[in-house]
């Protein structure tokens, strides 16, 4: 049972990772750069590891529309409330906006693909060994 659950969870996370890779590639090709403002930090509690903080960024698109999004990965170092945040978004879909910091964009993808691979491999191993 644990093997099947691990395998399903791993495949789901890999799917999210692949979706994020495709979104990032499309943003690189078609995205528009803007400068947003960090309006707050969202605090999230999961498990016993303490709170995680996510930057919430507001920006204006090329047409003057106001959009707000939360960063996909935690960590607010260098992104103080009221400070600027580089943004990359698609003009036809501003809801795809991401913080345009290379390390953060790569980290979002690597984290998902790593966890997805580990859970998938663990699930396959558990199923193959009958555990």
C-alpha atoms as a PDB file:
ATOM      1  CA  UNK A   1       0.000   0.000   0.000  1.00  0.00           C
ATOM      2  CA  UNK A   2       2.787   2.491   0.925  1.00  0.00           C
ATOM      3  CA  UNK A   3       4.545   1.725  -2.332  1.00  0.00           C
ATOM      4  CA  UNK A   4       1.492   2.592  -4.401  1.00  0.00           C
ATOM      5  CA  UNK A   5       0.877   5.777  -2.412  1.00  0.00           C
ATOM      6  CA  UNK A   6       4.500   6.846  -2.765  1.00  0.00           C
ATOM      7  CA  UNK A   7       4.429   6.107  -6.479  1.00  0.00           C
ATOM      8  CA  UNK A   8       1.216   8.097  -7.012  1.00  0.00           C
ATOM      9  CA  UNK A   9       2.463  11.018  -4.921  1.00  0.00           C
ATOM     10  CA  UNK A  10       5.779  11.017  -6.778  1.00  0.00           C
ATOM     11  CA  UNK A  11       4.113  10.999 -10.179  1.00  0.00           C
ATOM     12  CA  UNK A  12       1.803  13.837  -9.125  1.00  0.00           C
ATOM     13  CA  UNK A  13       4.731  15.955  -7.901  1.00  0.00           C
ATOM     14  CA  UNK A  14       6.673  15.162 -11.085  1.00  0.00           C
ATOM     15  CA  UNK A  15       3.636  16.334 -13.056  1.00  0.00           C
ATOM     16  CA  UNK A  16       3.641  19.640 -11.169  1.00  0.00           C
ATOM     17  CA  UNK A  17       7.389  19.915 -11.791  1.00  0.00           C
ATOM     18  CA  UNK A  18       7.019  19.344 -15.515  1.00  0.00           C
ATOM     19  CA  UNK A  19       4.189  21.882 -15.613  1.00  0.00           C
ATOM     20  CA  UNK A  20       6.439  24.419 -13.868  1.00  0.00           C
ATOM     21  CA  UNK A  21       9.283  23.722 -16.332  1.00  0.00           C
ATOM     22  CA  UNK A  22       6.933  24.356 -19.256  1.00  0.00           C
ATOM     23  CA  UNK A  23       5.582  27.528 -17.623  1.00  0.00           C
ATOM     24  CA  UNK A  24       9.117  28.808 -17.027  1.00  0.00           C
ATOM     25  CA  UNK A  25      10.159  28.074 -20.619  1.00  0.00           C
ATOM     26  CA  UNK A  26       7.099  29.843 -21.956  1.00  0.00           C
ATOM     27  CA  UNK A  27       7.782  32.827 -19.699  1.00  0.00           C
ATOM     28  CA  UNK A  28      11.343  32.972 -21.039  1.00  0.00           C
ATOM     29  CA  UNK A  29      10.054  33.062 -24.637  1.00  0.00           C
ATOM     30  CA  UNK A  30       6.932  35.211 -24.288  1.00  0.00           C
ATOM     31  CA  UNK A  31       7.232  36.905 -20.913  1.00  0.00           C
ATOM     32  CA  UNK A  32       7.290  40.600 -20.154  1.00  0.00           C
ATOM     33  CA  UNK A  33       9.397  41.956 -17.334  1.00  0.00           C
ATOM     34  CA  UNK A  34       7.935  44.292 -14.746  1.00  0.00           C
ATOM     35  CA  UNK A  35       8.883  45.565 -11.339  1.00  0.00           C
ATOM     36  CA  UNK A  36       6.445  44.642  -8.623  1.00  0.00           C
ATOM     37  CA  UNK A  37       6.250  45.540  -4.961  1.00  0.00           C
ATOM     38  CA  UNK A  38       6.305  43.073  -2.076  1.00  0.00           C
ATOM     39  CA  UNK A  39       3.055  43.883  -0.263  1.00  0.00           C
ATOM     40  CA  UNK A  40       3.339  41.332   2.540  1.00  0.00           C
ATOM     41  CA  UNK A  41       4.786  37.989   3.556  1.00  0.00           C
ATOM     42  CA  UNK A  42       2.394  35.058   3.836  1.00  0.00           C
ATOM     43  CA  UNK A  43       3.200  32.782   6.780  1.00  0.00           C
ATOM     44  CA  UNK A  44       2.550  29.072   6.327  1.00  0.00           C
ATOM     45  CA  UNK A  45       2.804  26.370   8.992  1.00  0.00           C
ATOM     46  CA  UNK A  46       3.450  22.788   7.919  1.00  0.00           C
ATOM     47  CA  UNK A  47       4.776  20.112  10.208  1.00  0.00           C
ATOM     48  CA  UNK A  48       7.180  20.710  13.067  1.00  0.00           C
ATOM     49  CA  UNK A  49       9.784  22.632  11.091  1.00  0.00           C
ATOM     50  CA  UNK A  50       8.395  26.031  11.996  1.00  0.00           C
ATOM     51  CA  UNK A  51       6.790  28.638   9.772  1.00  0.00           C
ATOM     52  CA  UNK A  52       7.705  29.314   6.156  1.00  0.00           C
ATOM     53  CA  UNK A  53       7.323  32.746   4.618  1.00  0.00           C
ATOM     54  CA  UNK A  54       6.285  33.490   1.045  1.00  0.00           C
ATOM     55  CA  UNK A  55       6.545  36.892  -0.617  1.00  0.00           C
ATOM     56  CA  UNK A  56       3.248  38.296  -1.920  1.00  0.00           C
ATOM     57  CA  UNK A  57       3.943  40.600  -4.864  1.00  0.00           C
ATOM     58  CA  UNK A  58       1.737  43.146  -6.591  1.00  0.00           C
ATOM     59  CA  UNK A  59       2.512  44.469 -10.080  1.00  0.00           C
ATOM     60  CA  UNK A  60       0.936  46.409 -12.931  1.00  0.00           C
ATOM     61  CA  UNK A  61       0.735  44.741 -16.333  1.00  0.00           C
ATOM     62  CA  UNK A  62       1.388  46.604 -19.610  1.00  0.00           C
ATOM     63  CA  UNK A  63      -2.281  47.655 -19.761  1.00  0.00           C
ATOM     64  CA  UNK A  64      -2.263  49.049 -16.240  1.00  0.00           C
ATOM     65  CA  UNK A  65      -4.098  46.097 -14.678  1.00  0.00           C
ATOM     66  CA  UNK A  66      -3.162  45.359 -11.075  1.00  0.00           C
ATOM     67  CA  UNK A  67      -2.233  41.761 -10.221  1.00  0.00           C
ATOM     68  CA  UNK A  68      -1.126  40.055  -7.015  1.00  0.00           C
ATOM     69  CA  UNK A  69       0.549  36.684  -6.665  1.00  0.00           C
ATOM     70  CA  UNK A  70       2.340  34.657  -4.026  1.00  0.00           C
ATOM     71  CA  UNK A  71       5.817  33.300  -4.694  1.00  0.00           C
ATOM     72  CA  UNK A  72       5.841  29.557  -5.251  1.00  0.00           C
ATOM     73  CA  UNK A  73       8.831  28.971  -2.998  1.00  0.00           C
ATOM     74  CA  UNK A  74       9.448  30.140   0.523  1.00  0.00           C
ATOM     75  CA  UNK A  75      12.110  32.542   1.589  1.00  0.00           C
ATOM     76  CA  UNK A  76      11.929  36.298   1.673  1.00  0.00           C
ATOM     77  CA  UNK A  77      15.606  37.163   1.933  1.00  0.00           C
ATOM     78  CA  UNK A  78      16.178  40.236  -0.217  1.00  0.00           C
ATOM     79  CA  UNK A  79      12.427  40.749  -0.649  1.00  0.00           C
ATOM     80  CA  UNK A  80      11.365  43.092   2.182  1.00  0.00           C
ATOM     81  CA  UNK A  81       7.800  44.340   2.452  1.00  0.00           C
ATOM     82  CA  UNK A  82       7.562  47.567   0.439  1.00  0.00           C
ATOM     83  CA  UNK A  83      10.634  46.660  -1.601  1.00  0.00           C
ATOM     84  CA  UNK A  84      10.851  45.957  -5.316  1.00  0.00           C
ATOM     85  CA  UNK A  85      10.563  42.476  -6.805  1.00  0.00           C
ATOM     86  CA  UNK A  86      11.400  41.640 -10.413  1.00  0.00           C
ATOM     87  CA  UNK A  87       8.421  39.996 -12.117  1.00  0.00           C
ATOM     88  CA  UNK A  88       8.061  37.994 -15.321  1.00  0.00           C
ATOM     89  CA  UNK A  89       4.568  37.384 -16.737  1.00  0.00           C
ATOM     90  CA  UNK A  90       2.852  36.492 -19.996  1.00  0.00           C
ATOM     91  CA  UNK A  91       0.819  39.389 -21.427  1.00  0.00           C
ATOM     92  CA  UNK A  92      -2.074  37.080 -22.357  1.00  0.00           C
ATOM     93  CA  UNK A  93      -2.066  35.453 -18.903  1.00  0.00           C
ATOM     94  CA  UNK A  94      -0.751  37.673 -16.079  1.00  0.00           C
ATOM     95  CA  UNK A  95      -1.788  34.986 -13.564  1.00  0.00           C
ATOM     96  CA  UNK A  96       1.347  33.042 -14.614  1.00  0.00           C
ATOM     97  CA  UNK A  97       3.557  35.701 -13.025  1.00  0.00           C
ATOM     98  CA  UNK A  98       6.695  34.551 -11.249  1.00  0.00           C
ATOM     99  CA  UNK A  99       9.455  36.329  -9.368  1.00  0.00           C
ATOM    100  CA  UNK A 100      12.156  36.818 -11.994  1.00  0.00           C
ATOM    101  CA  UNK A 101      15.171  35.828  -9.927  1.00  0.00           C
ATOM    102  CA  UNK A 102      17.147  33.043 -11.616  1.00  0.00           C
ATOM    103  CA  UNK A 103      18.002  31.202  -8.405  1.00  0.00           C
ATOM    104  CA  UNK A 104      14.394  31.210  -7.262  1.00  0.00           C
ATOM    105  CA  UNK A 105      13.065  30.050 -10.650  1.00  0.00           C
ATOM    106  CA  UNK A 106      15.574  27.203 -10.840  1.00  0.00           C
ATOM    107  CA  UNK A 107      14.948  26.297  -7.204  1.00  0.00           C
ATOM    108  CA  UNK A 108      11.196  26.005  -7.782  1.00  0.00           C
ATOM    109  CA  UNK A 109      11.748  23.503 -10.597  1.00  0.00           C
ATOM    110  CA  UNK A 110      14.567  21.528  -8.967  1.00  0.00           C
ATOM    111  CA  UNK A 111      12.650  21.129  -5.706  1.00  0.00           C
ATOM    112  CA  UNK A 112       9.570  19.693  -7.412  1.00  0.00           C
ATOM    113  CA  UNK A 113      11.517  17.400  -9.730  1.00  0.00           C
ATOM    114  CA  UNK A 114      13.760  16.136  -6.917  1.00  0.00           C
ATOM    115  CA  UNK A 115      10.909  15.303  -4.541  1.00  0.00           C
ATOM    116  CA  UNK A 116       8.902  13.768  -7.373  1.00  0.00           C
ATOM    117  CA  UNK A 117      11.806  11.568  -8.417  1.00  0.00           C
ATOM    118  CA  UNK A 118      12.552  10.440  -4.851  1.00  0.00           C
ATOM    119  CA  UNK A 119       8.908   9.541  -4.105  1.00  0.00           C
ATOM    120  CA  UNK A 120       8.494   7.786  -7.461  1.00  0.00           C
ATOM    121  CA  UNK A 121      11.701   5.771  -7.028  1.00  0.00           C
ATOM    122  CA  UNK A 122      10.749   4.868  -3.458  1.00  0.00           C
ATOM    123  CA  UNK A 123       7.316   3.726  -4.611  1.00  0.00           C
ATOM    124  CA  UNK A 124       8.800   1.578  -7.367  1.00  0.00           C
ATOM    125  CA  UNK A 125      11.319   0.077  -4.935  1.00  0.00           C
ATOM    126  CA  UNK A 126       8.620  -0.681  -2.339  1.00  0.00           C
ATOM    127  CA  UNK A 127       6.386  -2.302  -4.953  1.00  0.00           C
ATOM    128  CA  UNK A 128       9.260  -4.294  -6.485  1.00  0.00           C
ATOM    129  CA  UNK A 129      10.393  -5.659  -3.118  1.00  0.00           C
ATOM    130  CA  UNK A 130       6.865  -6.413  -1.953  1.00  0.00           C
ATOM    131  CA  UNK A 131       7.025  -4.123   1.072  1.00  0.00           C
END
